Amino acid sequence: KCGDKCVSERGGMQWLVLSTLAALASVGEAWESDARLLPVAPPNVGGCHLAGGDGRGPGSPRFRVSMATIVNNEGRWMPEWVLFHRLLGFEHFYVYDDASTDDTRDVVRAFGELGWATLHASVPRLQRDLNIRVPAHVHFTPQFVIVQHAARTYAHETEWLAFFDIDEFVLPTSAESWCVGAYLAARPKRQGVLRLQGALFLPNATDHRQLLRSRLLIDTASKMLPIGKLEHKDRVPLHKNFARPVAIANIDHSGIHAMRPDPAHTIRLLKDKDELIFAHFRYRTMSDFEAKKHKPYTGHVNKAEVFARLTAALDEYLKQGIEIRPSHPIHRYQPTVRGFYATFQAWYVHPPPRPPLAIPAAFGRAEVAERIPSSA
């Protein structure tokens, strides 16, 4: 609203002011009062692995921040999700497969060749091996198990674990959090859990075509809805967590949404005006949403009820949603992701052993994979 007077003369701040003003203009007057409700992308995407790798002394965990996720038939969507989060400084992905019948495991193994991923192919076996007891109030047993397994098994290897699904994308909302690894390194040592709020990113409801494999999911959202406007119509939690593994191992953390640390650690609840949110492409595309209704979510006690609520809520969400225009900051990441996404897909179709892959600096480098086992 203040036009040129808002532009700082300091070069380091000018991009922030300009990108904030552009973001505000793109979503209408409803959010003009507070720019930090929107994700902010740096002017030049990349460099987070350099920022995240500095300052780690002897004895420090190998990774500053890693992702743990459970998947079922997500081979189509996983490459984009991994590459997007590599741009933010995520270093490793612990992927727990829940009986996939597509190429999910092959995709994870391909990332494993780069040293970026570890595949676990039998969640029930992990539960037996670690004698993980699942409380009666937990609705999705495999999700609870993978949190406990990742926290107990990889505490020596990663300082922070993030627990997000393949349709959830972490988004910085301030310059402080552009590079997630560096941001987490600055958290107090007693801070054991960081809980993020989400924004719902909605599909084009009139397009029921299957999304071509060459296209990105982050290209498709037509509207978004912040958590404050959801009114919990579908009663599906819209918050997820980062956690120090040592803070959540061996305790009843109430599952992946309402995670809490042990008494020696604290929890910080990030609001939508704080440094990080996540974009939840809960419906992805209309064709994918229809397919998800028929997925065999083993161990989920009320899957049919959940999808009935999601279906009933979609029309209302689309009425309330705020249009996502091309100037929205999430699109700042698209060119960089799209370029390497195409390169990765072309490399992935080669049968193992694959030729060397040229990795752009923005995504870090391939790691020596001497300890990247697969439990397949």
Protein backbone atom coordinates (compact mmCIF):
# COMPACT_ATOMS: atom_id res chain seq x y z
CA LYS A 1 0.00 0.00 0.00
CA CYS A 2 2.92 2.36 0.60
CA GLY A 3 4.34 1.77 -2.91
CA ASP A 4 7.91 2.84 -3.53
CA LYS A 5 8.29 4.12 0.04
CA CYS A 6 8.26 0.49 1.23
CA VAL A 7 11.32 -0.46 -0.79
CA SER A 8 14.35 -0.59 1.44
CA GLU A 9 17.53 0.94 0.09
CA ARG A 10 19.44 -2.03 1.49
CA GLY A 11 19.82 -4.64 -1.24
CA GLY A 12 19.44 -7.52 1.21
CA MET A 13 15.91 -6.41 2.10
CA GLN A 14 14.65 -5.19 -1.25
CA TRP A 15 13.68 -8.64 -2.55
CA LEU A 16 11.66 -9.33 0.63
CA VAL A 17 9.63 -6.16 0.36
CA LEU A 18 8.96 -6.62 -3.35
CA SER A 19 8.04 -10.31 -3.08
CA THR A 20 5.76 -9.59 -0.14
CA LEU A 21 3.92 -6.84 -2.02
CA ALA A 22 3.54 -9.09 -5.06
CA ALA A 23 2.21 -11.91 -2.90
CA LEU A 24 -0.32 -9.65 -1.23
CA ALA A 25 -1.58 -8.40 -4.56
CA SER A 26 -2.05 -11.96 -5.75
CA VAL A 27 -4.43 -13.16 -3.07
CA GLY A 28 -6.81 -10.24 -2.62
CA GLU A 29 -7.59 -7.88 0.18
CA ALA A 30 -8.36 -10.56 2.76
CA TRP A 31 -4.72 -11.05 3.70
CA GLU A 32 -3.25 -7.65 2.88
CA SER A 33 -2.88 -6.83 6.56
CA ASP A 34 -0.19 -9.46 7.15
CA ALA A 35 2.31 -10.61 4.54
CA ARG A 36 3.65 -13.43 6.68
CA LEU A 37 0.50 -15.45 6.18
CA LEU A 38 2.06 -16.26 2.81
CA PRO A 39 5.10 -18.38 1.94
CA VAL A 40 8.17 -16.43 0.87
CA ALA A 41 10.66 -17.77 -1.65
CA PRO A 42 14.21 -16.45 -1.97
CA PRO A 43 15.08 -14.52 -5.15
CA ASN A 44 17.65 -17.17 -6.10
CA VAL A 45 16.60 -20.67 -5.09
CA GLY A 46 19.48 -22.86 -3.95
CA GLY A 47 22.43 -22.85 -1.58
CA CYS A 48 20.65 -24.38 1.40
CA HIS A 49 22.94 -27.39 1.60
CA LEU A 50 25.94 -25.12 1.98
CA ALA A 51 24.12 -23.13 4.67
CA GLY A 52 22.89 -26.27 6.41
CA GLY A 53 26.28 -27.99 6.37
CA ASP A 54 28.34 -25.34 8.12
CA GLY A 55 29.25 -25.49 11.77
CA ARG A 56 28.83 -29.21 12.47
CA GLY A 57 31.69 -30.47 14.57
CA PRO A 58 32.99 -34.00 15.26
CA GLY A 59 30.39 -36.26 16.79
CA SER A 60 27.45 -34.33 15.33
CA PRO A 61 24.71 -36.27 13.52
CA ARG A 62 25.37 -36.88 9.84
CA PHE A 63 22.21 -35.00 8.83
CA ARG A 64 20.79 -31.81 10.22
CA VAL A 65 17.22 -32.41 9.04
CA SER A 66 15.63 -35.51 7.50
CA MET A 67 12.13 -36.53 6.50
CA ALA A 68 10.26 -39.68 7.57
CA THR A 69 7.13 -40.65 5.66
CA ILE A 70 4.85 -43.62 5.05
CA VAL A 71 3.66 -44.23 1.50
CA ASN A 72 1.36 -46.39 -0.58
CA ASN A 73 1.55 -46.23 -4.37
CA GLU A 74 3.23 -42.82 -4.46
CA GLY A 75 5.79 -43.46 -7.19
CA ARG A 76 4.14 -40.88 -9.46
CA TRP A 77 4.44 -38.11 -6.87
CA MET A 78 7.59 -38.87 -4.91
CA PRO A 79 10.32 -37.42 -7.18
CA GLU A 80 8.81 -33.91 -7.13
CA TRP A 81 8.30 -34.06 -3.36
CA VAL A 82 11.88 -35.17 -2.66
CA LEU A 83 13.41 -32.61 -5.02
CA PHE A 84 11.30 -29.75 -3.65
CA HIS A 85 12.43 -30.47 -0.11
CA ARG A 86 16.05 -30.94 -1.16
CA LEU A 87 15.89 -27.29 -2.29
CA LEU A 88 14.93 -26.32 1.27
CA GLY A 89 17.93 -28.14 2.75
CA PHE A 90 16.42 -31.52 3.69
CA GLU A 91 19.22 -34.05 3.49
CA HIS A 92 17.72 -37.52 3.81
CA PHE A 93 14.38 -39.30 3.42
CA TYR A 94 13.38 -42.39 5.43
CA VAL A 95 10.58 -43.92 3.39
CA TYR A 96 8.33 -46.60 4.87
CA ASP A 97 6.36 -48.47 2.23
CA ASP A 98 2.86 -49.71 3.07
CA ALA A 99 2.35 -52.51 0.52
CA SER A 100 2.74 -50.46 -2.68
CA THR A 101 2.02 -52.17 -5.99
CA ASP A 102 3.39 -49.44 -8.28
CA ASP A 103 7.01 -48.33 -8.72
CA THR A 104 7.25 -46.58 -5.33
CA ARG A 105 10.02 -48.83 -4.04
CA ASP A 106 12.01 -48.47 -7.26
CA VAL A 107 11.82 -44.67 -6.99
CA VAL A 108 13.07 -44.80 -3.39
CA ARG A 109 15.90 -47.14 -4.40
CA ALA A 110 16.88 -44.68 -7.15
CA PHE A 111 17.18 -41.90 -4.59
CA GLY A 112 19.05 -44.40 -2.43
CA GLU A 113 21.68 -44.67 -5.18
CA LEU A 114 22.29 -40.95 -4.62
CA GLY A 115 22.54 -41.50 -0.86
CA TRP A 116 19.39 -39.46 -0.30
CA ALA A 117 16.91 -42.13 0.82
CA THR A 118 16.48 -45.26 2.91
CA LEU A 119 13.68 -47.71 2.12
CA HIS A 120 11.83 -49.78 4.71
CA ALA A 121 9.45 -52.17 2.98
CA SER A 122 7.69 -53.94 5.87
CA VAL A 123 6.13 -51.81 8.60
CA PRO A 124 4.65 -54.83 10.47
CA ARG A 125 8.10 -56.40 10.68
CA LEU A 126 9.57 -53.20 12.11
CA GLN A 127 6.82 -53.13 14.72
CA ARG A 128 7.64 -56.70 15.77
CA ASP A 129 11.40 -56.14 15.76
CA LEU A 130 11.21 -53.13 18.09
CA ASN A 131 8.20 -54.41 20.07
CA ILE A 132 6.32 -51.16 19.46
CA ARG A 133 3.05 -51.06 21.35
CA VAL A 134 0.31 -49.01 19.72
CA PRO A 135 -2.14 -47.22 22.08
CA ALA A 136 -5.83 -47.89 21.59
CA HIS A 137 -6.60 -44.27 20.64
CA VAL A 138 -4.34 -44.38 17.54
CA HIS A 139 -6.40 -44.57 14.32
CA PHE A 140 -3.60 -45.40 11.87
CA THR A 141 -1.22 -48.00 13.29
CA PRO A 142 1.52 -47.89 10.59
CA GLN A 143 1.91 -44.11 10.97
CA PHE A 144 2.46 -44.44 14.71
CA VAL A 145 4.96 -47.27 14.16
CA ILE A 146 7.10 -45.38 11.67
CA VAL A 147 7.43 -42.40 14.03
CA GLN A 148 8.67 -44.67 16.80
CA HIS A 149 10.98 -46.62 14.50
CA ALA A 150 12.53 -43.52 12.92
CA ALA A 151 13.04 -41.82 16.29
CA ARG A 152 14.67 -44.86 17.90
CA THR A 153 16.73 -45.97 14.91
CA TYR A 154 18.05 -42.70 13.51
CA ALA A 155 18.64 -40.52 16.56
CA HIS A 156 22.40 -40.92 16.02
CA GLU A 157 22.12 -39.97 12.35
CA THR A 158 19.87 -36.91 12.13
CA GLU A 159 19.43 -33.98 14.49
CA TRP A 160 15.83 -33.30 13.42
CA LEU A 161 13.14 -35.47 11.85
CA ALA A 162 10.16 -34.07 9.94
CA PHE A 163 7.01 -36.15 9.63
CA PHE A 164 5.05 -35.20 6.51
CA ASP A 165 3.12 -37.04 3.82
CA ILE A 166 3.91 -37.00 0.10
CA ASP A 167 1.08 -34.50 -0.51
CA GLU A 168 2.47 -32.01 2.05
CA PHE A 169 5.13 -29.42 1.16
CA VAL A 170 6.98 -27.40 3.78
CA LEU A 171 6.98 -23.68 2.95
CA PRO A 172 9.14 -20.92 4.47
CA THR A 173 7.25 -17.77 5.47
CA SER A 174 10.25 -15.62 6.38
CA ALA A 175 13.84 -15.08 5.27
CA GLU A 176 14.94 -16.71 8.53
CA SER A 177 13.53 -20.07 7.44
CA TRP A 178 14.48 -20.21 3.74
CA CYS A 179 16.91 -23.00 4.54
CA VAL A 180 15.19 -25.35 6.95
CA GLY A 181 18.36 -27.07 8.20
CA ALA A 182 20.02 -23.81 9.17
CA TYR A 183 16.77 -22.59 10.74
CA LEU A 184 16.46 -25.70 12.91
CA ALA A 185 20.11 -25.49 13.93
CA ALA A 186 19.32 -22.18 15.59
CA ARG A 187 16.53 -23.66 17.77
CA PRO A 188 17.22 -23.97 21.50
CA LYS A 189 18.58 -27.37 22.51
CA ARG A 190 15.63 -27.97 24.83
CA GLN A 191 13.15 -27.43 22.02
CA GLY A 192 12.13 -30.98 21.15
CA VAL A 193 9.08 -30.54 18.90
CA LEU A 194 8.17 -27.83 16.41
CA ARG A 195 4.55 -28.04 15.26
CA LEU A 196 3.54 -26.42 11.95
CA GLN A 197 0.15 -25.32 10.77
CA GLY A 198 -0.98 -26.05 7.24
CA ALA A 199 -2.83 -24.36 4.42
CA LEU A 200 -5.07 -26.40 2.16
CA PHE A 201 -4.15 -26.17 -1.53
CA LEU A 202 -7.13 -27.07 -3.69
CA PRO A 203 -7.39 -28.58 -7.18
CA ASN A 204 -9.22 -27.34 -10.24
CA ALA A 205 -12.58 -28.99 -9.57
CA THR A 206 -13.60 -28.93 -13.23
CA ASP A 207 -10.56 -30.88 -14.46
CA HIS A 208 -10.91 -34.63 -13.95
CA ARG A 209 -8.09 -35.65 -16.27
CA GLN A 210 -5.17 -37.66 -14.96
CA LEU A 211 -2.11 -35.43 -14.51
CA LEU A 212 0.64 -36.26 -16.97
CA ARG A 213 3.76 -37.62 -15.32
CA SER A 214 5.77 -34.79 -16.86
CA ARG A 215 3.79 -32.15 -14.90
CA LEU A 216 4.36 -31.00 -11.31
CA LEU A 217 1.73 -31.09 -8.60
CA ILE A 218 2.70 -27.59 -7.44
CA ASP A 219 1.61 -26.35 -10.90
CA THR A 220 -1.96 -27.52 -10.44
CA ALA A 221 -3.48 -25.89 -7.34
CA SER A 222 -6.14 -23.32 -8.18
CA LYS A 223 -7.03 -22.05 -4.68
CA MET A 224 -5.72 -22.14 -1.14
CA LEU A 225 -7.40 -21.99 2.24
CA PRO A 226 -5.53 -21.14 5.48
CA ILE A 227 -6.20 -23.20 8.58
CA GLY A 228 -8.16 -20.39 10.22
CA LYS A 229 -10.84 -20.63 7.52
CA LEU A 230 -11.24 -24.42 7.53
CA GLU A 231 -13.52 -24.61 10.58
CA HIS A 232 -12.55 -28.31 10.79
CA LYS A 233 -15.39 -29.36 8.50
CA ASP A 234 -13.62 -32.61 7.65
CA ARG A 235 -12.07 -33.05 11.12
CA VAL A 236 -8.72 -34.05 9.61
CA PRO A 237 -5.90 -32.33 11.54
CA LEU A 238 -3.94 -29.74 9.58
CA HIS A 239 -0.75 -29.66 11.61
CA LYS A 240 2.43 -31.72 11.44
CA ASN A 241 5.72 -31.80 13.31
CA PHE A 242 9.47 -31.52 13.29
CA ALA A 243 11.03 -33.34 16.24
CA ARG A 244 14.40 -34.15 17.72
CA PRO A 245 14.44 -37.98 17.73
CA VAL A 246 15.74 -38.10 21.31
CA ALA A 247 12.72 -36.06 22.44
CA ILE A 248 10.00 -38.40 21.13
CA ALA A 249 11.43 -41.93 21.29
CA ASN A 250 9.75 -44.40 23.64
CA ILE A 251 6.82 -42.18 24.65
CA ASP A 252 3.14 -42.10 23.74
CA HIS A 253 3.21 -39.05 21.46
CA SER A 254 -0.43 -39.46 20.34
CA GLY A 255 0.51 -40.05 16.72
CA ILE A 256 1.91 -37.97 13.90
CA HIS A 257 -0.36 -34.92 14.34
CA ALA A 258 -0.40 -34.28 18.11
CA MET A 259 3.22 -35.14 18.78
CA ARG A 260 4.68 -34.02 22.09
CA PRO A 261 8.18 -34.31 23.57
CA ASP A 262 9.41 -35.99 26.74
CA PRO A 263 9.63 -33.92 29.97
CA ALA A 264 13.22 -32.90 29.24
CA HIS A 265 12.20 -31.01 26.09
CA THR A 266 9.74 -28.29 25.13
CA ILE A 267 7.34 -27.83 22.24
CA ARG A 268 6.81 -24.73 20.12
CA LEU A 269 3.54 -24.28 18.27
CA LEU A 270 4.10 -22.26 15.11
CA LYS A 271 1.15 -20.11 14.07
CA ASP A 272 0.44 -19.16 10.49
CA LYS A 273 2.29 -15.87 11.04
CA ASP A 274 5.51 -17.62 12.12
CA GLU A 275 8.48 -18.92 10.14
CA LEU A 276 7.13 -22.11 8.53
CA ILE A 277 3.84 -23.53 7.30
CA PHE A 278 3.08 -26.44 5.01
CA ALA A 279 0.98 -26.66 1.89
CA HIS A 280 -1.33 -29.66 2.03
CA PHE A 281 -2.41 -30.84 -1.42
CA ARG A 282 -4.95 -33.04 0.32
CA TYR A 283 -7.03 -33.60 -2.81
CA ARG A 284 -4.11 -33.30 -5.24
CA THR A 285 -6.09 -33.58 -8.50
CA MET A 286 -9.72 -34.62 -8.84
CA SER A 287 -8.75 -37.86 -10.59
CA ASP A 288 -6.17 -38.67 -7.91
CA PHE A 289 -8.65 -37.97 -5.12
CA GLU A 290 -11.05 -40.49 -6.62
CA ALA A 291 -8.22 -43.04 -6.80
CA LYS A 292 -7.20 -42.38 -3.18
CA LYS A 293 -10.65 -43.40 -1.98
CA HIS A 294 -9.90 -46.94 -3.12
CA LYS A 295 -6.39 -47.24 -1.69
CA PRO A 296 -5.92 -50.10 0.78
CA TYR A 297 -4.81 -48.14 3.86
CA THR A 298 -3.88 -51.15 5.99
CA GLY A 299 -4.38 -50.48 9.69
CA HIS A 300 -6.61 -47.39 9.27
CA VAL A 301 -9.73 -47.90 11.40
CA ASN A 302 -12.01 -45.30 9.78
CA LYS A 303 -10.76 -44.66 6.23
CA ALA A 304 -14.22 -44.69 4.60
CA GLU A 305 -15.57 -42.21 7.13
CA VAL A 306 -12.62 -39.84 6.60
CA PHE A 307 -13.03 -39.79 2.81
CA ALA A 308 -16.78 -39.24 3.12
CA ARG A 309 -16.09 -36.09 5.18
CA LEU A 310 -13.41 -34.91 2.74
CA THR A 311 -15.78 -35.30 -0.19
CA ALA A 312 -18.58 -33.42 1.54
CA ALA A 313 -16.26 -30.56 2.54
CA LEU A 314 -14.65 -29.96 -0.86
CA ASP A 315 -17.43 -27.81 -2.37
CA GLU A 316 -17.40 -25.50 0.65
CA TYR A 317 -13.61 -25.23 0.56
CA LEU A 318 -13.68 -24.26 -3.10
CA LYS A 319 -16.23 -21.52 -2.38
CA GLN A 320 -14.06 -20.06 0.41
CA GLY A 321 -10.68 -20.60 -1.24
CA ILE A 322 -8.40 -17.74 -2.28
CA GLU A 323 -7.18 -17.86 -5.88
CA ILE A 324 -3.55 -18.87 -6.37
CA ARG A 325 -2.18 -16.64 -9.09
CA PRO A 326 1.07 -17.06 -11.03
CA SER A 327 2.72 -14.48 -8.75
CA HIS A 328 2.23 -16.64 -5.65
CA PRO A 329 5.63 -17.33 -4.03
CA ILE A 330 5.31 -21.13 -4.32
CA HIS A 331 5.78 -20.70 -8.05
CA ARG A 332 9.26 -19.27 -7.42
CA TYR A 333 10.47 -22.83 -6.82
CA GLN A 334 8.91 -24.30 -9.94
CA PRO A 335 11.55 -23.61 -12.61
CA THR A 336 14.35 -25.10 -10.52
CA VAL A 337 12.33 -28.16 -9.51
CA ARG A 338 10.96 -28.67 -13.03
CA GLY A 339 14.37 -28.68 -14.68
CA PHE A 340 15.93 -31.32 -12.46
CA TYR A 341 12.65 -33.27 -12.24
CA ALA A 342 12.82 -33.92 -15.99
CA THR A 343 16.50 -34.87 -15.73
CA PHE A 344 15.83 -37.25 -12.84
CA GLN A 345 12.94 -38.94 -14.67
CA ALA A 346 15.11 -39.54 -17.72
CA TRP A 347 17.87 -40.99 -15.49
CA TYR A 348 15.44 -43.08 -13.44
CA VAL A 349 14.18 -45.11 -16.41
CA HIS A 350 17.68 -46.55 -16.92
CA PRO A 351 17.96 -50.01 -15.35
CA PRO A 352 20.44 -50.24 -12.45
CA PRO A 353 23.32 -49.70 -12.29
CA ARG A 354 22.48 -46.26 -13.64
CA PRO A 355 25.00 -43.86 -15.16
CA PRO A 356 26.25 -40.90 -13.07
CA LEU A 357 23.64 -38.19 -12.60
CA ALA A 358 24.54 -34.52 -12.99
CA ILE A 359 22.99 -32.86 -9.92
CA PRO A 360 22.49 -29.07 -9.90
CA ALA A 361 24.18 -27.37 -6.94
CA ALA A 362 20.82 -26.19 -5.59
CA PHE A 363 19.93 -29.80 -4.70
CA GLY A 364 23.17 -30.63 -2.90
CA ARG A 365 25.33 -33.55 -3.96
CA ALA A 366 25.13 -37.31 -4.09
CA GLU A 367 26.24 -38.94 -0.83
CA VAL A 368 28.39 -42.02 -0.43
CA ALA A 369 25.80 -44.70 0.13
CA GLU A 370 27.75 -47.15 2.26
CA ARG A 371 25.03 -47.25 4.91
CA ILE A 372 21.89 -46.88 2.83
CA PRO A 373 20.27 -50.29 3.31
CA SER A 374 16.89 -51.38 2.04
CA SER A 375 14.74 -53.58 4.20
CA ALA A 376 12.93 -54.88 1.11
